[in-house]
């Protein structure tokens, strides 16, 4: 009887870990400058300091087969983001949720969210990011399809009206 109780406790604990999920809200998307910039890549956000450090290590080391912690928000531009939602969400996209955002000095509005159905002018966000599957759907920093934008254009597109002194 004791073994059955232990097995049930273990199964419940593991199922809780497997279903950990972070559902982003508009207030979770802040000024890009509030995030931690990774050289030549994107801005990283996480509410929990330890998980932010882990996400930054993954981004900086750029090694295949490493997974960002649930709750990580990655942004290159203020008008779109990808969030490691986790749980059972979007198994084809390794738990990532993609967002199209509207940003103004007053804050952020979520225009679209989801998996492969979220699109921008280049098409499906998840479809494009699938090229970085072995890097947890992150395309920057290794030999996968690039945006084909100059650094100057990327900096211009990073203008964020939510920032007190937008770049």
Protein backbone atom coordinates (compact mmCIF):
# COMPACT_ATOMS: atom_id res chain seq x y z
CA UNK A 1 0.00 0.00 0.00
CA UNK A 2 2.81 2.36 0.89
CA UNK A 3 4.48 1.74 -2.50
CA UNK A 4 1.26 2.53 -4.33
CA UNK A 5 0.92 5.83 -2.45
CA UNK A 6 4.53 6.68 -3.23
CA UNK A 7 4.07 5.82 -6.90
CA UNK A 8 0.92 7.95 -7.09
CA UNK A 9 2.66 10.88 -5.40
CA UNK A 10 5.57 10.61 -7.81
CA UNK A 11 3.25 10.37 -10.83
CA UNK A 12 1.31 13.45 -9.71
CA UNK A 13 4.50 15.41 -9.08
CA UNK A 14 5.91 14.50 -12.49
CA UNK A 15 2.65 15.28 -14.27
CA UNK A 16 2.67 18.73 -12.62
CA UNK A 17 6.17 19.35 -13.94
CA UNK A 18 5.22 18.15 -17.41
CA UNK A 19 2.24 20.48 -17.57
CA UNK A 20 3.93 23.63 -16.21
CA UNK A 21 2.60 26.46 -18.32
CA UNK A 22 3.03 30.22 -18.62
CA UNK A 23 0.19 32.13 -20.25
CA UNK A 24 1.49 35.56 -21.24
CA UNK A 25 -0.66 38.64 -20.78
CA UNK A 26 -0.31 42.09 -22.31
CA UNK A 27 1.44 43.43 -19.21
CA UNK A 28 4.20 40.81 -19.68
CA UNK A 29 5.37 42.61 -22.84
CA UNK A 30 7.40 45.65 -21.87
CA UNK A 31 9.86 48.07 -23.41
CA UNK A 32 12.56 46.13 -25.28
CA UNK A 33 15.20 48.00 -23.28
CA UNK A 34 13.81 46.36 -20.10
CA UNK A 35 14.92 42.99 -21.48
CA UNK A 36 18.42 41.59 -21.45
CA UNK A 37 20.04 42.02 -24.85
CA UNK A 38 22.02 39.12 -26.25
CA UNK A 39 24.77 40.38 -28.57
CA UNK A 40 23.70 40.07 -32.20
CA UNK A 41 20.43 38.43 -31.25
CA UNK A 42 17.25 39.23 -29.38
CA UNK A 43 15.99 40.57 -26.08
CA UNK A 44 15.24 38.04 -23.33
CA UNK A 45 12.68 38.45 -20.56
CA UNK A 46 11.66 36.22 -17.66
CA UNK A 47 9.92 37.04 -14.38
CA UNK A 48 12.13 34.66 -12.40
CA UNK A 49 15.76 35.69 -12.09
CA UNK A 50 17.18 32.13 -12.07
CA UNK A 51 15.28 31.18 -15.20
CA UNK A 52 16.34 34.41 -16.88
CA UNK A 53 19.98 33.48 -16.20
CA UNK A 54 19.37 30.03 -17.71
CA UNK A 55 17.70 31.53 -20.79
CA UNK A 56 20.59 33.97 -21.25
CA UNK A 57 23.14 31.14 -20.99
CA UNK A 58 21.27 29.19 -23.67
CA UNK A 59 21.11 32.25 -25.95
CA UNK A 60 24.77 33.20 -25.43
CA UNK A 61 26.21 29.69 -25.85
CA UNK A 62 24.06 28.94 -28.89
CA UNK A 63 24.27 25.15 -28.56
CA UNK A 64 21.80 22.77 -30.23
CA UNK A 65 19.31 20.70 -28.25
CA UNK A 66 19.03 23.15 -25.33
CA UNK A 67 15.52 24.21 -24.31
CA UNK A 68 14.54 27.60 -22.94
CA UNK A 69 12.69 27.54 -19.60
CA UNK A 70 8.93 27.94 -19.54
CA UNK A 71 8.07 31.63 -19.17
CA UNK A 72 10.91 32.88 -21.38
CA UNK A 73 9.93 35.74 -23.69
CA UNK A 74 12.12 36.37 -26.75
CA UNK A 75 11.75 39.51 -28.84
CA UNK A 76 13.77 40.99 -31.65
CA UNK A 77 11.16 43.63 -32.48
CA UNK A 78 8.55 45.27 -30.24
CA UNK A 79 5.67 44.22 -32.52
CA UNK A 80 6.16 40.46 -32.24
CA UNK A 81 7.37 37.94 -29.67
CA UNK A 82 7.67 34.28 -28.92
CA UNK A 83 6.93 32.95 -25.44
CA UNK A 84 7.86 29.54 -24.07
CA UNK A 85 4.38 28.65 -22.86
CA UNK A 86 5.13 25.02 -22.16
CA UNK A 87 2.67 22.51 -20.83
CA UNK A 88 0.78 20.74 -23.56
CA UNK A 89 0.58 23.86 -25.69
CA UNK A 90 1.77 23.60 -29.32
CA UNK A 91 3.84 20.39 -29.24
CA UNK A 92 4.70 20.91 -32.93
CA UNK A 93 6.32 24.22 -31.93
CA UNK A 94 8.08 22.82 -28.85
CA UNK A 95 5.76 24.72 -26.50
CA UNK A 96 6.34 28.16 -28.04
CA UNK A 97 3.48 30.61 -28.46
CA UNK A 98 3.89 33.29 -31.12
CA UNK A 99 2.50 36.83 -30.79
CA UNK A 100 1.75 39.79 -33.00
CA UNK A 101 1.62 42.93 -30.88
CA UNK A 102 0.56 46.53 -31.19
CA UNK A 103 2.70 48.86 -29.10
CA UNK A 104 2.09 52.48 -28.14
CA UNK A 105 3.47 54.69 -25.37
CA UNK A 106 0.45 53.55 -23.34
CA UNK A 107 1.40 49.87 -23.52
CA UNK A 108 0.94 46.66 -25.46
CA UNK A 109 -2.09 45.11 -27.12
CA UNK A 110 -2.06 41.46 -28.25
CA UNK A 111 -3.31 41.29 -31.83
CA UNK A 112 -2.78 37.56 -32.41
CA UNK A 113 -1.43 34.64 -30.41
CA UNK A 114 -1.04 30.93 -30.97
CA UNK A 115 1.02 28.40 -32.90
CA UNK A 116 1.42 27.96 -36.65
CA UNK A 117 -1.68 30.06 -37.38
CA UNK A 118 0.00 33.31 -36.23
CA UNK A 119 1.38 35.10 -39.30
CA UNK A 120 3.29 38.23 -40.21
CA UNK A 121 4.29 39.60 -43.63
CA UNK A 122 6.76 36.70 -44.07
CA UNK A 123 4.11 34.03 -43.35
CA UNK A 124 3.64 31.68 -40.41
CA UNK A 125 5.90 32.64 -37.49
CA UNK A 126 6.22 29.01 -36.45
CA UNK A 127 6.81 27.93 -40.06
CA UNK A 128 9.76 30.29 -40.34
CA UNK A 129 11.13 29.41 -36.90
CA UNK A 130 10.95 25.68 -37.69
CA UNK A 131 14.30 26.13 -39.47
CA UNK A 132 15.76 26.59 -35.97
CA UNK A 133 14.08 23.47 -34.53
CA UNK A 134 17.36 22.03 -33.18
CA UNK A 135 17.95 25.37 -31.39
CA UNK A 136 14.50 25.39 -29.75
CA UNK A 137 12.96 27.31 -32.68
CA UNK A 138 15.39 30.23 -32.33
CA UNK A 139 16.90 31.22 -35.66
CA UNK A 140 19.40 33.91 -34.71
CA UNK A 141 23.05 33.12 -34.22
CA UNK A 142 23.50 29.95 -36.23
CA UNK A 143 23.23 28.70 -39.79
CA UNK A 144 19.48 28.92 -40.37
CA UNK A 145 17.41 31.23 -42.54
CA UNK A 146 18.05 34.88 -41.73
CA UNK A 147 15.70 37.81 -42.07
CA UNK A 148 17.93 39.37 -44.69
CA UNK A 149 17.85 42.72 -42.90
CA UNK A 150 20.84 44.94 -42.27
CA UNK A 151 21.82 45.80 -38.70
CA UNK A 152 20.73 49.38 -39.41
CA UNK A 153 17.26 48.22 -40.49
CA UNK A 154 16.94 45.93 -37.46
CA UNK A 155 17.86 48.81 -35.13
CA UNK A 156 15.29 51.04 -36.82
CA UNK A 157 12.60 48.37 -36.42
CA UNK A 158 13.50 48.03 -32.75
CA UNK A 159 12.21 51.54 -32.03
CA UNK A 160 9.85 50.92 -29.12
CA UNK A 161 7.35 53.64 -28.20
CA UNK A 162 6.85 52.01 -24.76
CA UNK A 163 10.40 53.02 -23.76
CA UNK A 164 10.84 56.35 -21.97
CA UNK A 165 13.74 57.21 -24.29
CA UNK A 166 13.07 54.97 -27.29
CA UNK A 167 16.16 54.13 -29.38
